Amino acid sequence: MTYMQLPSRITDFFTSISDNKYVILMWINIMLLLVGTLMDMASLILTPVLLPVAISLGVSPVHFGMIMLVNLGIGLITPPVGSVLFVASAVSKQKIEQVVKAMVPFYCGLFFVLMLVTYIPAISLWLPKFFGVHTG
């Protein structure tokens, strides 16, 4: 990644999309949701690639970490891979289709929480600041 200057190329790509930090965060959210549905938590390997983008936008590394974790947590319960979804299906002895149908309201709630965490940094940063931790 370093030899091919991948982090700087991806930073340039995202900053070429828009100058607005919120638009770029939206695109990062979309990408992480898509990757999270296909790769489970292994998509955390994107952290070294996307963190420079977030820092260049002025986003705290702690806040960006929370954005990534919420996105990838949603990916764990979203088909087609959704490993936690299959565990829930096995434990409840229900077909996967029934479990996904029952999850629809929760997906809406989780998406709302993702938007709150992404666009209101204080939600992610109040606890570290309360304990006096420097959040970048």
N, C-alpha and C. Protein backbone atom coordinates (compact mmCIF):
# COMPACT_ATOMS: atom_id res chain seq x y z
N MET A 1 0.82 -1.19 0.00
CA MET A 1 0.00 0.00 0.00
C MET A 1 0.87 1.26 0.00
N THR A 2 1.96 1.22 0.76
CA THR A 2 2.83 2.39 0.82
C THR A 2 3.56 2.60 -0.49
N TYR A 3 4.04 1.52 -1.08
CA TYR A 3 4.79 1.61 -2.33
C TYR A 3 3.92 2.21 -3.44
N MET A 4 2.64 1.82 -3.48
CA MET A 4 1.74 2.33 -4.52
C MET A 4 1.06 3.63 -4.10
N GLN A 5 1.41 4.15 -2.92
CA GLN A 5 0.84 5.39 -2.39
C GLN A 5 -0.69 5.34 -2.36
N LEU A 6 -1.22 4.19 -1.95
CA LEU A 6 -2.66 3.99 -1.95
C LEU A 6 -3.42 4.94 -1.01
N PRO A 7 -2.95 5.15 0.23
CA PRO A 7 -3.69 6.09 1.08
C PRO A 7 -3.80 7.49 0.51
N SER A 8 -2.72 8.00 -0.06
CA SER A 8 -2.78 9.36 -0.62
C SER A 8 -3.63 9.41 -1.88
N ARG A 9 -3.62 8.35 -2.67
CA ARG A 9 -4.47 8.32 -3.87
C ARG A 9 -5.96 8.28 -3.49
N ILE A 10 -6.28 7.51 -2.47
CA ILE A 10 -7.68 7.44 -2.04
C ILE A 10 -8.10 8.76 -1.41
N THR A 11 -7.20 9.39 -0.64
CA THR A 11 -7.49 10.71 -0.09
C THR A 11 -7.77 11.69 -1.21
N ASP A 12 -6.93 11.68 -2.25
CA ASP A 12 -7.14 12.57 -3.40
C ASP A 12 -8.47 12.27 -4.09
N PHE A 13 -8.82 10.99 -4.20
CA PHE A 13 -10.08 10.62 -4.84
C PHE A 13 -11.27 11.18 -4.06
N PHE A 14 -11.29 10.96 -2.76
CA PHE A 14 -12.43 11.43 -1.96
C PHE A 14 -12.50 12.95 -1.92
N THR A 15 -11.36 13.61 -1.85
CA THR A 15 -11.39 15.07 -1.82
C THR A 15 -11.73 15.66 -3.19
N SER A 16 -11.56 14.87 -4.26
CA SER A 16 -11.95 15.35 -5.58
C SER A 16 -13.47 15.24 -5.79
N ILE A 17 -14.12 14.40 -5.01
CA ILE A 17 -15.58 14.25 -5.12
C ILE A 17 -16.27 15.54 -4.70
N SER A 18 -15.80 16.10 -3.58
CA SER A 18 -16.45 17.29 -3.04
C SER A 18 -15.51 17.97 -2.05
N ASP A 19 -15.77 19.24 -1.80
CA ASP A 19 -15.04 19.96 -0.76
C ASP A 19 -15.77 19.89 0.56
N ASN A 20 -16.99 19.41 0.53
CA ASN A 20 -17.83 19.35 1.72
C ASN A 20 -17.52 18.08 2.51
N LYS A 21 -17.11 18.24 3.74
CA LYS A 21 -16.74 17.09 4.58
C LYS A 21 -17.91 16.15 4.79
N TYR A 22 -19.12 16.67 4.88
CA TYR A 22 -20.29 15.84 5.14
C TYR A 22 -20.65 14.97 3.94
N VAL A 23 -20.42 15.48 2.75
CA VAL A 23 -20.66 14.69 1.54
C VAL A 23 -19.65 13.55 1.46
N ILE A 24 -18.40 13.85 1.77
CA ILE A 24 -17.37 12.81 1.74
C ILE A 24 -17.65 11.75 2.80
N LEU A 25 -18.07 12.18 3.99
CA LEU A 25 -18.42 11.20 5.02
C LEU A 25 -19.59 10.33 4.59
N MET A 26 -20.54 10.91 3.85
CA MET A 26 -21.65 10.12 3.34
C MET A 26 -21.15 9.04 2.39
N TRP A 27 -20.23 9.41 1.49
CA TRP A 27 -19.68 8.43 0.54
C TRP A 27 -18.86 7.37 1.25
N ILE A 28 -18.13 7.76 2.29
CA ILE A 28 -17.39 6.77 3.08
C ILE A 28 -18.37 5.82 3.77
N ASN A 29 -19.46 6.35 4.31
CA ASN A 29 -20.49 5.51 4.93
C ASN A 29 -21.06 4.51 3.92
N ILE A 30 -21.38 4.98 2.73
CA ILE A 30 -21.94 4.08 1.71
C ILE A 30 -20.93 2.98 1.38
N MET A 31 -19.67 3.37 1.20
CA MET A 31 -18.65 2.38 0.87
C MET A 31 -18.48 1.37 2.00
N LEU A 32 -18.44 1.85 3.26
CA LEU A 32 -18.27 0.94 4.38
C LEU A 32 -19.47 0.02 4.58
N LEU A 33 -20.66 0.53 4.33
CA LEU A 33 -21.84 -0.33 4.42
C LEU A 33 -21.80 -1.43 3.37
N LEU A 34 -21.41 -1.08 2.15
CA LEU A 34 -21.32 -2.08 1.09
C LEU A 34 -20.23 -3.10 1.39
N VAL A 35 -19.07 -2.62 1.78
CA VAL A 35 -17.96 -3.53 2.10
C VAL A 35 -18.32 -4.37 3.32
N GLY A 36 -18.97 -3.76 4.31
CA GLY A 36 -19.34 -4.48 5.53
C GLY A 36 -20.32 -5.60 5.28
N THR A 37 -21.18 -5.45 4.27
CA THR A 37 -22.13 -6.53 3.97
C THR A 37 -21.44 -7.70 3.28
N LEU A 38 -20.28 -7.46 2.69
CA LEU A 38 -19.59 -8.52 1.96
C LEU A 38 -18.40 -9.13 2.69
N MET A 39 -17.78 -8.37 3.60
CA MET A 39 -16.52 -8.83 4.19
C MET A 39 -16.54 -9.01 5.70
N ASP A 40 -17.63 -8.76 6.37
CA ASP A 40 -17.68 -8.78 7.82
C ASP A 40 -16.66 -7.80 8.40
N MET A 41 -16.13 -8.11 9.55
CA MET A 41 -15.23 -7.17 10.23
C MET A 41 -13.84 -7.16 9.61
N ALA A 42 -13.56 -8.04 8.67
CA ALA A 42 -12.27 -8.02 7.99
C ALA A 42 -12.06 -6.73 7.23
N SER A 43 -13.14 -5.99 7.00
CA SER A 43 -13.00 -4.73 6.29
C SER A 43 -12.36 -3.65 7.16
N LEU A 44 -12.02 -3.98 8.40
CA LEU A 44 -11.24 -3.05 9.21
C LEU A 44 -9.87 -2.80 8.60
N ILE A 45 -9.48 -3.63 7.63
CA ILE A 45 -8.21 -3.40 6.95
C ILE A 45 -8.24 -2.10 6.16
N LEU A 46 -9.43 -1.53 5.98
CA LEU A 46 -9.55 -0.24 5.29
C LEU A 46 -9.15 0.93 6.18
N THR A 47 -8.98 0.69 7.45
CA THR A 47 -8.65 1.79 8.38
C THR A 47 -7.41 2.57 7.95
N PRO A 48 -6.28 1.91 7.64
CA PRO A 48 -5.10 2.69 7.26
C PRO A 48 -5.28 3.46 5.95
N VAL A 49 -6.24 3.04 5.14
CA VAL A 49 -6.49 3.71 3.88
C VAL A 49 -7.43 4.91 4.08
N LEU A 50 -8.47 4.73 4.90
CA LEU A 50 -9.48 5.77 5.07
C LEU A 50 -9.16 6.78 6.17
N LEU A 51 -8.33 6.40 7.13
CA LEU A 51 -8.02 7.32 8.23
C LEU A 51 -7.35 8.61 7.74
N PRO A 52 -6.41 8.54 6.78
CA PRO A 52 -5.85 9.80 6.27
C PRO A 52 -6.90 10.71 5.61
N VAL A 53 -7.90 10.10 4.99
CA VAL A 53 -8.99 10.89 4.40
C VAL A 53 -9.73 11.62 5.51
N ALA A 54 -10.07 10.90 6.57
CA ALA A 54 -10.81 11.50 7.68
C ALA A 54 -10.00 12.61 8.35
N ILE A 55 -8.73 12.36 8.55
CA ILE A 55 -7.89 13.38 9.20
C ILE A 55 -7.77 14.61 8.31
N SER A 56 -7.66 14.41 6.99
CA SER A 56 -7.57 15.56 6.09
C SER A 56 -8.86 16.39 6.10
N LEU A 57 -9.98 15.76 6.48
CA LEU A 57 -11.25 16.47 6.58
C LEU A 57 -11.43 17.16 7.93
N GLY A 58 -10.52 16.89 8.85
CA GLY A 58 -10.63 17.45 10.19
C GLY A 58 -11.46 16.60 11.13
N VAL A 59 -11.68 15.34 10.78
CA VAL A 59 -12.44 14.42 11.62
C VAL A 59 -11.48 13.78 12.62
N SER A 60 -11.88 13.75 13.88
CA SER A 60 -11.07 13.13 14.93
C SER A 60 -10.91 11.64 14.65
N PRO A 61 -9.72 11.07 14.90
CA PRO A 61 -9.55 9.63 14.71
C PRO A 61 -10.49 8.80 15.59
N VAL A 62 -10.81 9.28 16.78
CA VAL A 62 -11.75 8.57 17.65
C VAL A 62 -13.14 8.58 17.02
N HIS A 63 -13.56 9.73 16.53
CA HIS A 63 -14.87 9.84 15.88
C HIS A 63 -14.92 8.95 14.65
N PHE A 64 -13.87 8.96 13.84
CA PHE A 64 -13.85 8.13 12.65
C PHE A 64 -13.88 6.64 13.01
N GLY A 65 -13.21 6.28 14.09
CA GLY A 65 -13.26 4.89 14.56
C GLY A 65 -14.67 4.47 14.91
N MET A 66 -15.42 5.36 15.54
CA MET A 66 -16.81 5.06 15.87
C MET A 66 -17.66 4.93 14.60
N ILE A 67 -17.40 5.79 13.62
CA ILE A 67 -18.13 5.70 12.35
C ILE A 67 -17.88 4.34 11.71
N MET A 68 -16.62 3.93 11.70
CA MET A 68 -16.28 2.64 11.08
C MET A 68 -16.92 1.48 11.83
N LEU A 69 -16.87 1.52 13.15
CA LEU A 69 -17.42 0.41 13.93
C LEU A 69 -18.93 0.29 13.79
N VAL A 70 -19.63 1.41 13.75
CA VAL A 70 -21.08 1.36 13.57
C VAL A 70 -21.41 0.81 12.18
N ASN A 71 -20.71 1.31 11.16
CA ASN A 71 -20.91 0.81 9.79
C ASN A 71 -20.67 -0.70 9.71
N LEU A 72 -19.57 -1.14 10.23
CA LEU A 72 -19.21 -2.55 10.11
C LEU A 72 -20.08 -3.42 11.01
N GLY A 73 -20.55 -2.87 12.13
CA GLY A 73 -21.50 -3.59 12.97
C GLY A 73 -22.81 -3.83 12.24
N ILE A 74 -23.25 -2.83 11.49
CA ILE A 74 -24.46 -3.00 10.67
C ILE A 74 -24.21 -4.08 9.61
N GLY A 75 -23.01 -4.10 9.06
CA GLY A 75 -22.67 -5.11 8.06
C GLY A 75 -22.73 -6.53 8.60
N LEU A 76 -22.48 -6.70 9.91
CA LEU A 76 -22.52 -8.04 10.50
C LEU A 76 -23.93 -8.64 10.52
N ILE A 77 -24.95 -7.78 10.44
CA ILE A 77 -26.32 -8.28 10.49
C ILE A 77 -27.08 -8.04 9.19
N THR A 78 -26.33 -7.78 8.12
CA THR A 78 -26.95 -7.48 6.83
C THR A 78 -26.59 -8.58 5.82
N PRO A 79 -27.58 -9.11 5.11
CA PRO A 79 -27.28 -10.12 4.08
C PRO A 79 -26.42 -9.52 2.98
N PRO A 80 -25.68 -10.22 2.22
CA PRO A 80 -25.66 -11.66 2.06
C PRO A 80 -24.74 -12.39 3.03
N VAL A 81 -23.69 -11.73 3.56
CA VAL A 81 -22.76 -12.45 4.44
C VAL A 81 -23.32 -12.48 5.85
N GLY A 82 -23.55 -11.35 6.47
CA GLY A 82 -24.19 -11.21 7.77
C GLY A 82 -24.06 -12.39 8.71
N SER A 83 -22.85 -12.68 9.17
CA SER A 83 -22.62 -13.87 9.98
C SER A 83 -23.49 -13.88 11.24
N VAL A 84 -23.70 -12.75 11.86
CA VAL A 84 -24.53 -12.69 13.07
C VAL A 84 -25.98 -13.00 12.72
N LEU A 85 -26.39 -12.64 11.53
CA LEU A 85 -27.74 -12.94 11.07
C LEU A 85 -27.96 -14.45 10.98
N PHE A 86 -26.96 -15.17 10.50
CA PHE A 86 -27.07 -16.62 10.41
C PHE A 86 -27.07 -17.27 11.79
N VAL A 87 -26.33 -16.70 12.72
CA VAL A 87 -26.34 -17.19 14.10
C VAL A 87 -27.73 -17.01 14.70
N ALA A 88 -28.32 -15.82 14.48
CA ALA A 88 -29.67 -15.55 14.98
C ALA A 88 -30.67 -16.52 14.37
N SER A 89 -30.50 -16.83 13.11
CA SER A 89 -31.39 -17.77 12.44
C SER A 89 -31.27 -19.16 13.05
N ALA A 90 -30.05 -19.58 13.32
CA ALA A 90 -29.83 -20.91 13.90
C ALA A 90 -30.37 -20.98 15.33
N VAL A 91 -30.12 -19.96 16.12
CA VAL A 91 -30.56 -19.96 17.52
C VAL A 91 -32.08 -19.93 17.61
N SER A 92 -32.71 -19.12 16.76
CA SER A 92 -34.17 -18.99 16.80
C SER A 92 -34.89 -20.09 16.04
N LYS A 93 -34.13 -20.91 15.31
CA LYS A 93 -34.70 -21.97 14.49
C LYS A 93 -35.72 -21.42 13.48
N GLN A 94 -35.42 -20.24 12.96
CA GLN A 94 -36.26 -19.59 11.95
C GLN A 94 -35.47 -19.55 10.63
N LYS A 95 -36.19 -19.48 9.53
CA LYS A 95 -35.53 -19.31 8.24
C LYS A 95 -34.89 -17.93 8.20
N ILE A 96 -33.82 -17.82 7.45
CA ILE A 96 -33.09 -16.56 7.34
C ILE A 96 -33.99 -15.45 6.80
N GLU A 97 -34.88 -15.81 5.90
CA GLU A 97 -35.80 -14.82 5.32
C GLU A 97 -36.70 -14.21 6.39
N GLN A 98 -37.16 -15.05 7.34
CA GLN A 98 -38.02 -14.56 8.41
C GLN A 98 -37.23 -13.63 9.35
N VAL A 99 -36.00 -13.99 9.61
CA VAL A 99 -35.17 -13.16 10.49
C VAL A 99 -34.89 -11.81 9.83
N VAL A 100 -34.57 -11.81 8.55
CA VAL A 100 -34.30 -10.56 7.84
C VAL A 100 -35.55 -9.68 7.82
N LYS A 101 -36.70 -10.28 7.58
CA LYS A 101 -37.96 -9.53 7.56
C LYS A 101 -38.21 -8.88 8.93
N ALA A 102 -37.94 -9.62 9.98
CA ALA A 102 -38.14 -9.07 11.34
C ALA A 102 -37.11 -7.99 11.67
N MET A 103 -35.98 -7.99 10.97
CA MET A 103 -34.91 -7.02 11.24
C MET A 103 -35.12 -5.68 10.57
N VAL A 104 -36.05 -5.57 9.62
CA VAL A 104 -36.22 -4.33 8.85
C VAL A 104 -36.37 -3.09 9.73
N PRO A 105 -37.22 -3.11 10.77
CA PRO A 105 -37.30 -1.90 11.61
C PRO A 105 -35.98 -1.58 12.32
N PHE A 106 -35.24 -2.62 12.66
CA PHE A 106 -33.96 -2.40 13.32
C PHE A 106 -32.93 -1.80 12.36
N TYR A 107 -32.97 -2.22 11.10
CA TYR A 107 -32.09 -1.63 10.09
C TYR A 107 -32.35 -0.13 9.99
N CYS A 108 -33.61 0.26 10.01
CA CYS A 108 -33.96 1.68 9.94
C CYS A 108 -33.40 2.43 11.15
N GLY A 109 -33.57 1.85 12.32
CA GLY A 109 -33.03 2.46 13.53
C GLY A 109 -31.52 2.55 13.52
N LEU A 110 -30.87 1.50 13.06
CA LEU A 110 -29.41 1.50 13.00
C LEU A 110 -28.89 2.53 12.00
N PHE A 111 -29.59 2.68 10.89
CA PHE A 111 -29.19 3.70 9.92
C PHE A 111 -29.32 5.10 10.53
N PHE A 112 -30.38 5.33 11.28
CA PHE A 112 -30.57 6.60 11.96
C PHE A 112 -29.44 6.85 12.96
N VAL A 113 -29.07 5.83 13.72
CA VAL A 113 -27.97 5.96 14.68
C VAL A 113 -26.66 6.24 13.94
N LEU A 114 -26.44 5.58 12.81
CA LEU A 114 -25.24 5.83 12.01
C LEU A 114 -25.17 7.29 11.58
N MET A 115 -26.30 7.84 11.14
CA MET A 115 -26.32 9.25 10.74
C MET A 115 -26.02 10.16 11.94
N LEU A 116 -26.57 9.84 13.10
CA LEU A 116 -26.29 10.63 14.30
C LEU A 116 -24.81 10.58 14.66
N VAL A 117 -24.25 9.38 14.67
CA VAL A 117 -22.83 9.22 15.03
C VAL A 117 -21.94 9.92 14.01
N THR A 118 -22.30 9.84 12.74
CA THR A 118 -21.47 10.44 11.70
C THR A 118 -21.50 11.96 11.74
N TYR A 119 -22.68 12.54 11.87
CA TYR A 119 -22.82 13.98 11.70
C TYR A 119 -22.90 14.77 13.00
N ILE A 120 -22.90 14.10 14.14
CA ILE A 120 -22.83 14.79 15.44
C ILE A 120 -21.65 14.20 16.21
N PRO A 121 -20.44 14.73 16.00
CA PRO A 121 -19.25 14.16 16.61
C PRO A 121 -19.31 14.09 18.15
N ALA A 122 -20.05 14.98 18.77
CA ALA A 122 -20.13 14.99 20.23
C ALA A 122 -20.64 13.67 20.79
N ILE A 123 -21.45 12.96 20.02
CA ILE A 123 -21.96 11.66 20.47
C ILE A 123 -20.81 10.68 20.70
N SER A 124 -19.83 10.70 19.81
CA SER A 124 -18.69 9.79 19.92
C SER A 124 -17.61 10.31 20.86
N LEU A 125 -17.53 11.60 21.04
CA LEU A 125 -16.39 12.19 21.73
C LEU A 125 -16.66 12.62 23.17
N TRP A 126 -17.92 12.59 23.64
CA TRP A 126 -18.19 13.12 24.96
C TRP A 126 -17.54 12.28 26.06
N LEU A 127 -17.56 10.96 25.92
CA LEU A 127 -16.99 10.11 26.97
C LEU A 127 -15.47 10.24 27.06
N PRO A 128 -14.73 10.19 25.93
CA PRO A 128 -13.29 10.41 26.05
C PRO A 128 -12.95 11.79 26.62
N LYS A 129 -13.71 12.81 26.21
CA LYS A 129 -13.45 14.16 26.73
C LYS A 129 -13.77 14.23 28.22
N PHE A 130 -14.79 13.50 28.66
CA PHE A 130 -15.15 13.48 30.08
C PHE A 130 -13.99 12.96 30.92
N PHE A 131 -13.27 11.96 30.40
CA PHE A 131 -12.12 11.40 31.10
C PHE A 131 -10.81 12.10 30.79
N GLY A 132 -10.89 13.18 30.02
CA GLY A 132 -9.71 13.99 29.74
C GLY A 132 -8.78 13.42 28.69
N VAL A 133 -9.29 12.52 27.86
CA VAL A 133 -8.48 11.92 26.80
C VAL A 133 -8.47 12.85 25.62
N HIS A 134 -7.28 13.10 25.07
CA HIS A 134 -7.16 13.95 23.88
C HIS A 134 -7.70 13.17 22.68
N THR A 135 -8.65 13.75 21.96
CA THR A 135 -9.30 13.02 20.85
C THR A 135 -8.83 13.46 19.48
N GLY A 136 -7.77 14.22 19.40
CA GLY A 136 -7.21 14.59 18.11
C GLY A 136 -7.77 15.83 17.61
